[in-house]
Amino acid sequence: MGFGKMGSSLISGGIRSGVLKRDEVCIYDLDSERVKFAESEGLSIAKSLDDVVDSDSLIIAVKPKDLTDLLSSAKASLIERRPLLISIVAGIRIEKLQSMLDDVQMRIVRVMPNIAASVNEAISAYCTSKSVRKEDLEFINSLLCGVGKAVFVDNEDELDIITGVSGSGPAYFSLMMGAMEKVAIERGIERNLARMMVAQTCRGAATMILERGISPEELIRMVASPGGTTEEALKVMEERKFSLIVSDAVSAAIEKSRRINR
């Protein structure tokens, strides 16, 4: 239900990993352009909400503002058929979803993935309602591990924090990479080469932290020789309060996630 950027990324990654089979996926979206895109991906299109609700598992991937109308339209069928509901709607808690469905005890998994699911490099966190079964957990874990890495959280409040950190995170890194790419181009590096250099640098730094188990602070010390070029750049960042800007920005995203639910 919803085949926007995040929903399509999750489906695409799931198919790439083999966890989902193309002929078992059915898409429902009111946007004709998204429907055309789904068709170009070889996916079947639901003619009505009932067509897609009649599924074993249902991924809800709409904008928060569209959720109430969507669930109201599908409420009777959802309550009758009781599919596993996998919600990636930002900021909407399980309790809120239950209330939209007349407080019927539905099997609900709330997930915060990120856009890198489309290339099987996402980090996703999830929590569940009490009604979720063992086989539901096995499926959701295989799906999320298929599109990257997955972590289960007991405390749903943590998903607001995770939304601000990793859900929105790809955009933060992209902002910095875009700025670095622009400087490289302005200083004479060809655009494609600049983009590859910046992206590979970002990937390399992340891989060192993940695979070698070092902290970001340790990596900085490894790169920044006293009196060298990196130290000069870091001085400017410290003077401009780069760390504080990032902290304030991530905190703003976390608070926005909390406000959406309220």
Protein backbone atom coordinates (compact mmCIF):
# COMPACT_ATOMS: atom_id res chain seq x y z
CA MET A 1 0.00 0.00 0.00
CA GLY A 2 2.04 2.88 -1.38
CA PHE A 3 4.91 2.54 -3.84
CA GLY A 4 6.82 5.74 -3.23
CA LYS A 5 10.58 6.06 -2.80
CA MET A 6 10.82 4.12 0.46
CA GLY A 7 8.19 1.49 -0.33
CA SER A 8 9.66 0.76 -3.75
CA SER A 9 13.19 0.62 -2.28
CA LEU A 10 12.11 -2.02 0.25
CA ILE A 11 10.36 -4.11 -2.41
CA SER A 12 13.24 -3.75 -4.87
CA GLY A 13 15.81 -4.81 -2.26
CA GLY A 14 13.62 -7.69 -1.12
CA ILE A 15 13.38 -9.00 -4.68
CA ARG A 16 17.12 -8.54 -5.27
CA SER A 17 17.87 -10.55 -2.14
CA GLY A 18 15.48 -13.34 -3.12
CA VAL A 19 13.36 -12.97 0.04
CA LEU A 20 10.47 -11.64 -2.08
CA LYS A 21 9.41 -13.12 -5.40
CA ARG A 22 8.32 -10.69 -8.10
CA ASP A 23 5.19 -12.67 -8.97
CA GLU A 24 4.05 -12.69 -5.34
CA VAL A 25 4.11 -8.89 -4.92
CA CYS A 26 1.01 -6.79 -5.60
CA ILE A 27 1.12 -2.97 -5.54
CA TYR A 28 -1.59 -0.47 -4.65
CA ASP A 29 -0.95 3.24 -5.26
CA LEU A 30 -3.18 6.13 -6.35
CA ASP A 31 -0.33 7.90 -8.17
CA SER A 32 -0.42 6.90 -11.85
CA GLU A 33 3.30 7.53 -12.27
CA ARG A 34 4.15 5.18 -9.40
CA VAL A 35 1.79 2.59 -10.88
CA LYS A 36 3.59 2.86 -14.23
CA PHE A 37 6.92 2.43 -12.46
CA ALA A 38 5.65 -0.68 -10.63
CA GLU A 39 4.44 -2.12 -13.94
CA SER A 40 7.84 -1.42 -15.52
CA GLU A 41 9.36 -3.45 -12.67
CA GLY A 42 7.16 -6.40 -13.61
CA LEU A 43 4.92 -6.15 -10.56
CA SER A 44 1.18 -6.79 -10.57
CA ILE A 45 -1.13 -3.88 -9.77
CA ALA A 46 -4.13 -4.09 -7.44
CA LYS A 47 -7.31 -2.76 -9.01
CA SER A 48 -8.78 -2.03 -5.59
CA LEU A 49 -7.82 -1.96 -1.93
CA ASP A 50 -9.51 -5.33 -1.41
CA ASP A 51 -7.16 -6.90 -3.96
CA VAL A 52 -4.08 -5.94 -1.98
CA VAL A 53 -5.58 -6.43 1.50
CA ASP A 54 -6.17 -10.07 0.59
CA SER A 55 -2.50 -10.88 1.23
CA ASP A 56 -0.46 -12.73 3.84
CA SER A 57 1.63 -9.63 4.58
CA LEU A 58 0.83 -6.01 3.86
CA ILE A 59 3.46 -3.25 3.77
CA ILE A 60 1.96 0.14 4.60
CA ALA A 61 4.21 2.72 2.95
CA VAL A 62 2.19 5.91 2.64
CA LYS A 63 2.80 9.41 4.02
CA PRO A 64 1.53 9.99 7.58
CA LYS A 65 -1.06 12.49 6.32
CA ASP A 66 -2.61 9.84 4.04
CA LEU A 67 -2.76 7.03 6.59
CA THR A 68 -6.10 7.80 8.23
CA ASP A 69 -8.06 7.85 4.95
CA LEU A 70 -6.32 4.73 3.71
CA LEU A 71 -7.01 2.65 6.81
CA SER A 72 -10.58 3.94 7.02
CA SER A 73 -11.22 2.72 3.48
CA ALA A 74 -9.67 -0.68 4.15
CA LYS A 75 -10.68 -1.11 7.80
CA ALA A 76 -13.44 -3.70 7.38
CA SER A 77 -11.35 -5.91 5.10
CA LEU A 78 -8.26 -5.62 7.30
CA ILE A 79 -10.16 -6.58 10.45
CA GLU A 80 -11.82 -9.50 8.67
CA ARG A 81 -8.70 -10.90 6.98
CA ARG A 82 -6.07 -9.99 9.60
CA PRO A 83 -2.92 -9.91 7.44
CA LEU A 84 0.48 -9.16 8.98
CA LEU A 85 0.76 -5.36 8.85
CA ILE A 86 4.26 -3.99 8.26
CA SER A 87 4.21 -0.22 8.72
CA ILE A 88 7.08 1.98 7.57
CA VAL A 89 5.02 5.15 8.11
CA ALA A 90 7.30 7.61 9.92
CA GLY A 91 6.27 8.64 13.42
CA ILE A 92 3.09 6.55 13.67
CA ARG A 93 3.14 4.26 16.69
CA ILE A 94 1.66 0.77 16.89
CA GLU A 95 -0.91 1.96 19.43
CA LYS A 96 -2.08 4.62 16.95
CA LEU A 97 -2.41 2.05 14.17
CA GLN A 98 -4.44 -0.18 16.50
CA SER A 99 -6.78 2.70 17.35
CA MET A 100 -7.33 3.39 13.65
CA LEU A 101 -8.49 -0.22 13.36
CA ASP A 102 -11.00 -0.03 16.24
CA ASP A 103 -8.43 -1.35 18.73
CA VAL A 104 -8.68 -4.85 17.28
CA GLN A 105 -5.54 -6.80 18.20
CA MET A 106 -3.82 -6.90 14.81
CA ARG A 107 -0.41 -8.38 14.01
CA ILE A 108 1.65 -5.23 13.48
CA VAL A 109 5.35 -4.71 12.87
CA ARG A 110 6.57 -1.13 12.83
CA VAL A 111 9.78 -0.68 10.85
CA MET A 112 12.18 2.21 10.32
CA PRO A 113 14.29 1.30 7.27
CA ASN A 114 16.17 3.70 5.01
CA ILE A 115 16.47 4.34 1.30
CA ALA A 116 19.57 2.12 0.93
CA ALA A 117 17.23 -0.90 1.04
CA SER A 118 17.11 -0.64 -2.76
CA VAL A 119 20.80 -1.61 -2.93
CA ASN A 120 20.63 -4.02 0.04
CA GLU A 121 22.63 -1.71 2.32
CA ALA A 122 19.90 -0.41 4.64
CA ILE A 123 19.92 -0.41 8.40
CA SER A 124 16.41 -1.14 9.69
CA ALA A 125 15.00 -1.22 13.21
CA TYR A 126 11.67 -2.76 14.11
CA CYS A 127 9.32 -3.46 17.00
CA THR A 128 6.10 -5.45 17.16
CA SER A 129 2.65 -5.68 18.67
CA LYS A 130 1.92 -8.48 21.15
CA SER A 131 -0.10 -10.43 18.57
CA VAL A 132 2.84 -11.01 16.20
CA ARG A 133 3.67 -14.69 15.73
CA LYS A 134 7.00 -16.50 15.57
CA GLU A 135 6.64 -17.04 11.82
CA ASP A 136 5.91 -13.31 11.36
CA LEU A 137 9.18 -12.47 13.12
CA GLU A 138 11.06 -14.94 10.96
CA PHE A 139 9.64 -13.34 7.80
CA ILE A 140 10.26 -9.73 8.79
CA ASN A 141 13.77 -10.49 9.98
CA SER A 142 14.60 -12.29 6.72
CA LEU A 143 13.17 -9.40 4.68
CA LEU A 144 15.06 -6.70 6.58
CA CYS A 145 18.31 -8.67 6.73
CA GLY A 146 17.89 -9.28 3.01
CA VAL A 147 17.93 -5.53 2.33
CA GLY A 148 20.79 -4.77 4.74
CA LYS A 149 21.08 -5.11 8.50
CA ALA A 150 18.23 -5.33 11.00
CA VAL A 151 17.85 -4.73 14.73
CA PHE A 152 14.89 -5.46 16.99
CA VAL A 153 14.02 -2.87 19.65
CA ASP A 154 11.81 -3.50 22.69
CA ASN A 155 11.12 0.17 23.35
CA GLU A 156 9.12 1.79 20.57
CA ASP A 157 10.28 5.24 21.72
CA GLU A 158 13.69 4.36 20.29
CA LEU A 159 12.24 4.34 16.77
CA ASP A 160 11.85 8.12 16.86
CA ILE A 161 15.57 8.41 17.61
CA ILE A 162 16.43 5.88 14.93
CA THR A 163 14.27 7.81 12.46
CA GLY A 164 16.35 10.94 13.05
CA VAL A 165 19.66 9.09 12.90
CA SER A 166 19.47 6.37 10.23
CA GLY A 167 16.08 6.87 8.61
CA SER A 168 16.96 10.41 7.55
CA GLY A 169 20.71 9.80 7.70
CA PRO A 170 21.41 9.13 4.00
CA ALA A 171 20.33 12.71 3.26
CA TYR A 172 22.79 14.13 5.81
CA PHE A 173 25.75 12.31 4.29
CA SER A 174 24.55 13.22 0.81
CA LEU A 175 24.52 16.92 1.75
CA MET A 176 28.16 16.74 2.79
CA MET A 177 29.14 14.62 -0.20
CA GLY A 178 27.44 17.10 -2.51
CA ALA A 179 29.42 19.95 -0.97
CA MET A 180 32.70 18.03 -1.32
CA GLU A 181 31.88 17.12 -4.92
CA LYS A 182 31.13 20.76 -5.74
CA VAL A 183 34.51 21.90 -4.40
CA ALA A 184 36.33 19.20 -6.37
CA ILE A 185 34.58 20.25 -9.60
CA GLU A 186 35.23 23.95 -8.98
CA ARG A 187 38.91 23.17 -8.43
CA GLY A 188 39.18 21.31 -11.73
CA ILE A 189 38.17 17.66 -11.19
CA GLU A 190 35.78 16.18 -13.78
CA ARG A 191 32.25 15.68 -12.38
CA ASN A 192 32.01 11.89 -12.65
CA LEU A 193 35.46 11.43 -11.16
CA ALA A 194 34.65 13.85 -8.33
CA ARG A 195 31.43 11.98 -7.51
CA MET A 196 33.14 8.58 -7.52
CA MET A 197 36.00 9.84 -5.33
CA VAL A 198 33.66 11.38 -2.76
CA ALA A 199 31.27 8.42 -2.63
CA GLN A 200 34.08 5.87 -2.38
CA THR A 201 35.71 7.92 0.39
CA CYS A 202 32.44 7.83 2.33
CA ARG A 203 32.08 4.09 1.74
CA GLY A 204 35.68 3.45 2.77
CA ALA A 205 35.32 5.34 6.04
CA ALA A 206 32.10 3.46 6.89
CA THR A 207 33.67 0.11 6.01
CA MET A 208 36.64 0.76 8.28
CA ILE A 209 34.34 1.54 11.20
CA LEU A 210 32.11 -1.47 10.55
CA GLU A 211 34.73 -4.07 9.68
CA ARG A 212 37.68 -2.98 11.83
CA GLY A 213 35.59 -2.01 14.83
CA ILE A 214 37.22 1.38 15.29
CA SER A 215 35.37 4.46 16.51
CA PRO A 216 34.85 7.64 14.45
CA GLU A 217 37.22 9.44 16.82
CA GLU A 218 39.93 6.81 16.24
CA LEU A 219 39.51 7.12 12.47
CA ILE A 220 39.91 10.90 12.69
CA ARG A 221 43.16 10.45 14.64
CA MET A 222 44.41 7.96 12.03
CA VAL A 223 43.83 10.46 9.19
CA ALA A 224 44.63 13.80 10.84
CA SER A 225 48.40 14.16 11.13
CA PRO A 226 49.60 17.11 13.26
CA GLY A 227 50.04 20.16 11.07
CA GLY A 228 48.62 18.36 8.02
CA THR A 229 45.83 19.04 5.53
CA THR A 230 43.13 17.12 7.43
CA GLU A 231 43.86 19.00 10.64
CA GLU A 232 43.52 22.27 8.72
CA ALA A 233 40.09 21.23 7.44
CA LEU A 234 38.96 20.06 10.87
CA LYS A 235 39.95 23.41 12.39
CA VAL A 236 37.54 25.17 10.03
CA MET A 237 34.78 22.68 10.89
CA GLU A 238 35.33 23.21 14.61
CA GLU A 239 35.33 27.00 14.20
CA ARG A 240 32.03 26.83 12.30
CA LYS A 241 30.60 24.44 14.96
CA PHE A 242 30.04 21.62 12.49
CA SER A 243 29.41 19.01 15.23
CA LEU A 244 26.84 21.25 16.92
CA ILE A 245 25.03 21.82 13.62
CA VAL A 246 24.80 18.06 13.04
CA SER A 247 23.63 17.45 16.61
CA ASP A 248 20.93 20.11 16.35
CA ALA A 249 19.80 18.85 12.93
CA VAL A 250 19.46 15.21 14.03
CA SER A 251 17.65 16.30 17.20
CA ALA A 252 15.20 18.32 15.06
CA ALA A 253 14.42 15.22 12.99
CA ILE A 254 13.84 13.16 16.15
CA GLU A 255 11.44 15.76 17.57
CA LYS A 256 9.59 15.94 14.24
CA SER A 257 9.06 12.17 14.35
CA ARG A 258 7.62 12.51 17.85
CA ARG A 259 5.33 15.38 16.82
CA ILE A 260 3.96 13.41 13.85
CA ASN A 261 2.53 10.77 16.18
CA ARG A 262 1.11 13.36 18.59
